[in-house]
């Protein structure tokens, strides 16, 4: 039999949620602040890394993936990896086109 999921007590979950929320706010301010620093191509990489971190925090804590079964976590991970592959393939097609040669 599968073990029941282990949830934290409500008294201990509130500080965790507040810490994650504060982290998301700080990351949002960091991404806004990084837009004012001219780093060239580095700006896109920094903002995408911050967005990925915020997405993973939201998935893990607020969408309760950490309490889900291993099969559900595997399914969500496979979906995220598939989405990443599709983004990479789309960007590779976009970068490899010869714009203006037609």
C-alpha atoms as a PDB file:
ATOM      1  CA  UNK A   1       0.000   0.000   0.000  1.00  0.00           C
ATOM      2  CA  UNK A   2       1.088   3.516  -0.649  1.00  0.00           C
ATOM      3  CA  UNK A   3       1.878   5.705   2.293  1.00  0.00           C
ATOM      4  CA  UNK A   4      -0.383   8.675   2.875  1.00  0.00           C
ATOM      5  CA  UNK A   5       1.079  12.025   1.982  1.00  0.00           C
ATOM      6  CA  UNK A   6       2.634  13.913   4.849  1.00  0.00           C
ATOM      7  CA  UNK A   7       1.339  17.436   5.160  1.00  0.00           C
ATOM      8  CA  UNK A   8       2.724  19.948   7.587  1.00  0.00           C
ATOM      9  CA  UNK A   9       0.540  21.305  10.329  1.00  0.00           C
ATOM     10  CA  UNK A  10      -1.203  24.587   9.433  1.00  0.00           C
ATOM     11  CA  UNK A  11       0.860  26.445  12.037  1.00  0.00           C
ATOM     12  CA  UNK A  12       4.098  25.378  10.351  1.00  0.00           C
ATOM     13  CA  UNK A  13       2.882  25.869   6.764  1.00  0.00           C
ATOM     14  CA  UNK A  14       2.134  29.578   7.099  1.00  0.00           C
ATOM     15  CA  UNK A  15       5.774  30.635   7.668  1.00  0.00           C
ATOM     16  CA  UNK A  16       6.852  28.455   4.751  1.00  0.00           C
ATOM     17  CA  UNK A  17       4.276  30.053   2.453  1.00  0.00           C
ATOM     18  CA  UNK A  18       5.244  33.531   3.636  1.00  0.00           C
ATOM     19  CA  UNK A  19       8.929  32.799   3.011  1.00  0.00           C
ATOM     20  CA  UNK A  20       8.184  31.498  -0.492  1.00  0.00           C
ATOM     21  CA  UNK A  21       5.968  34.520  -1.184  1.00  0.00           C
ATOM     22  CA  UNK A  22       8.719  36.886   0.014  1.00  0.00           C
ATOM     23  CA  UNK A  23      11.214  35.046  -2.191  1.00  0.00           C
ATOM     24  CA  UNK A  24       8.910  35.439  -5.193  1.00  0.00           C
ATOM     25  CA  UNK A  25       8.570  39.177  -4.504  1.00  0.00           C
ATOM     26  CA  UNK A  26      12.351  39.555  -4.203  1.00  0.00           C
ATOM     27  CA  UNK A  27      12.873  37.638  -7.452  1.00  0.00           C
ATOM     28  CA  UNK A  28      10.298  39.860  -9.187  1.00  0.00           C
ATOM     29  CA  UNK A  29      12.078  42.988  -7.977  1.00  0.00           C
ATOM     30  CA  UNK A  30      15.394  41.469  -9.041  1.00  0.00           C
ATOM     31  CA  UNK A  31      14.117  40.812 -12.555  1.00  0.00           C
ATOM     32  CA  UNK A  32      12.767  44.363 -12.814  1.00  0.00           C
ATOM     33  CA  UNK A  33      16.041  45.758 -11.503  1.00  0.00           C
ATOM     34  CA  UNK A  34      18.096  43.689 -13.916  1.00  0.00           C
ATOM     35  CA  UNK A  35      16.255  45.264 -16.846  1.00  0.00           C
ATOM     36  CA  UNK A  36      17.890  48.601 -16.013  1.00  0.00           C
ATOM     37  CA  UNK A  37      21.430  47.167 -16.133  1.00  0.00           C
ATOM     38  CA  UNK A  38      22.803  46.939 -19.701  1.00  0.00           C
ATOM     39  CA  UNK A  39      24.251  43.430 -19.959  1.00  0.00           C
ATOM     40  CA  UNK A  40      23.480  42.762 -23.608  1.00  0.00           C
ATOM     41  CA  UNK A  41      22.495  39.150 -24.174  1.00  0.00           C
ATOM     42  CA  UNK A  42      23.062  38.444 -20.482  1.00  0.00           C
ATOM     43  CA  UNK A  43      19.839  40.247 -19.563  1.00  0.00           C
ATOM     44  CA  UNK A  44      17.715  37.630 -21.311  1.00  0.00           C
ATOM     45  CA  UNK A  45      19.611  34.797 -19.652  1.00  0.00           C
ATOM     46  CA  UNK A  46      19.267  36.342 -16.189  1.00  0.00           C
ATOM     47  CA  UNK A  47      15.564  37.088 -16.592  1.00  0.00           C
ATOM     48  CA  UNK A  48      14.873  33.566 -17.906  1.00  0.00           C
ATOM     49  CA  UNK A  49      16.769  32.034 -15.005  1.00  0.00           C
ATOM     50  CA  UNK A  50      14.773  34.128 -12.533  1.00  0.00           C
ATOM     51  CA  UNK A  51      11.520  33.180 -14.286  1.00  0.00           C
ATOM     52  CA  UNK A  52      12.441  29.490 -14.140  1.00  0.00           C
ATOM     53  CA  UNK A  53      13.173  29.776 -10.423  1.00  0.00           C
ATOM     54  CA  UNK A  54       9.850  31.511  -9.790  1.00  0.00           C
ATOM     55  CA  UNK A  55       8.004  28.877 -11.814  1.00  0.00           C
ATOM     56  CA  UNK A  56       9.587  26.019  -9.906  1.00  0.00           C
ATOM     57  CA  UNK A  57       8.843  27.648  -6.543  1.00  0.00           C
ATOM     58  CA  UNK A  58       5.216  28.187  -7.540  1.00  0.00           C
ATOM     59  CA  UNK A  59       4.858  24.610  -8.764  1.00  0.00           C
ATOM     60  CA  UNK A  60       6.540  23.036  -5.777  1.00  0.00           C
ATOM     61  CA  UNK A  61       4.881  24.986  -2.969  1.00  0.00           C
ATOM     62  CA  UNK A  62       1.651  26.645  -4.129  1.00  0.00           C
ATOM     63  CA  UNK A  63       0.505  23.878  -6.490  1.00  0.00           C
ATOM     64  CA  UNK A  64       1.394  21.236  -3.852  1.00  0.00           C
ATOM     65  CA  UNK A  65       3.629  19.139  -6.084  1.00  0.00           C
ATOM     66  CA  UNK A  66       5.766  18.335  -3.063  1.00  0.00           C
ATOM     67  CA  UNK A  67       2.804  16.464  -1.547  1.00  0.00           C
ATOM     68  CA  UNK A  68       1.925  14.647  -4.764  1.00  0.00           C
ATOM     69  CA  UNK A  69       2.801  11.033  -5.423  1.00  0.00           C
ATOM     70  CA  UNK A  70       6.017  10.101  -7.188  1.00  0.00           C
ATOM     71  CA  UNK A  71       4.099   9.241 -10.353  1.00  0.00           C
ATOM     72  CA  UNK A  72       2.515  12.706 -10.405  1.00  0.00           C
ATOM     73  CA  UNK A  73       5.903  14.346  -9.809  1.00  0.00           C
ATOM     74  CA  UNK A  74       7.371  12.284 -12.658  1.00  0.00           C
ATOM     75  CA  UNK A  75       4.494  13.282 -14.940  1.00  0.00           C
ATOM     76  CA  UNK A  76       4.906  16.967 -14.140  1.00  0.00           C
ATOM     77  CA  UNK A  77       8.672  16.705 -14.633  1.00  0.00           C
ATOM     78  CA  UNK A  78       8.201  15.004 -17.994  1.00  0.00           C
ATOM     79  CA  UNK A  79       5.813  17.764 -19.059  1.00  0.00           C
ATOM     80  CA  UNK A  80       8.269  20.495 -18.051  1.00  0.00           C
ATOM     81  CA  UNK A  81      11.127  18.738 -19.879  1.00  0.00           C
ATOM     82  CA  UNK A  82       8.967  18.300 -22.988  1.00  0.00           C
ATOM     83  CA  UNK A  83       8.031  21.987 -22.909  1.00  0.00           C
ATOM     84  CA  UNK A  84      11.721  22.879 -22.593  1.00  0.00           C
ATOM     85  CA  UNK A  85      12.598  20.707 -25.596  1.00  0.00           C
ATOM     86  CA  UNK A  86       9.872  22.389 -27.649  1.00  0.00           C
ATOM     87  CA  UNK A  87      11.178  25.835 -26.688  1.00  0.00           C
ATOM     88  CA  UNK A  88      14.739  24.858 -27.634  1.00  0.00           C
ATOM     89  CA  UNK A  89      13.630  23.455 -30.992  1.00  0.00           C
ATOM     90  CA  UNK A  90      11.516  26.528 -31.747  1.00  0.00           C
ATOM     91  CA  UNK A  91      14.366  28.883 -30.875  1.00  0.00           C
ATOM     92  CA  UNK A  92      16.817  26.800 -32.930  1.00  0.00           C
ATOM     93  CA  UNK A  93      14.508  27.125 -35.942  1.00  0.00           C
ATOM     94  CA  UNK A  94      14.134  30.856 -35.375  1.00  0.00           C
ATOM     95  CA  UNK A  95      17.884  31.450 -35.048  1.00  0.00           C
ATOM     96  CA  UNK A  96      18.813  29.265 -38.024  1.00  0.00           C
ATOM     97  CA  UNK A  97      16.580  31.019 -40.557  1.00  0.00           C
ATOM     98  CA  UNK A  98      18.169  33.397 -42.996  1.00  0.00           C
ATOM     99  CA  UNK A  99      16.009  36.466 -42.633  1.00  0.00           C
ATOM    100  CA  UNK A 100      15.934  38.830 -45.562  1.00  0.00           C
ATOM    101  CA  UNK A 101      17.346  36.427 -48.148  1.00  0.00           C
ATOM    102  CA  UNK A 102      13.983  36.006 -49.855  1.00  0.00           C
END
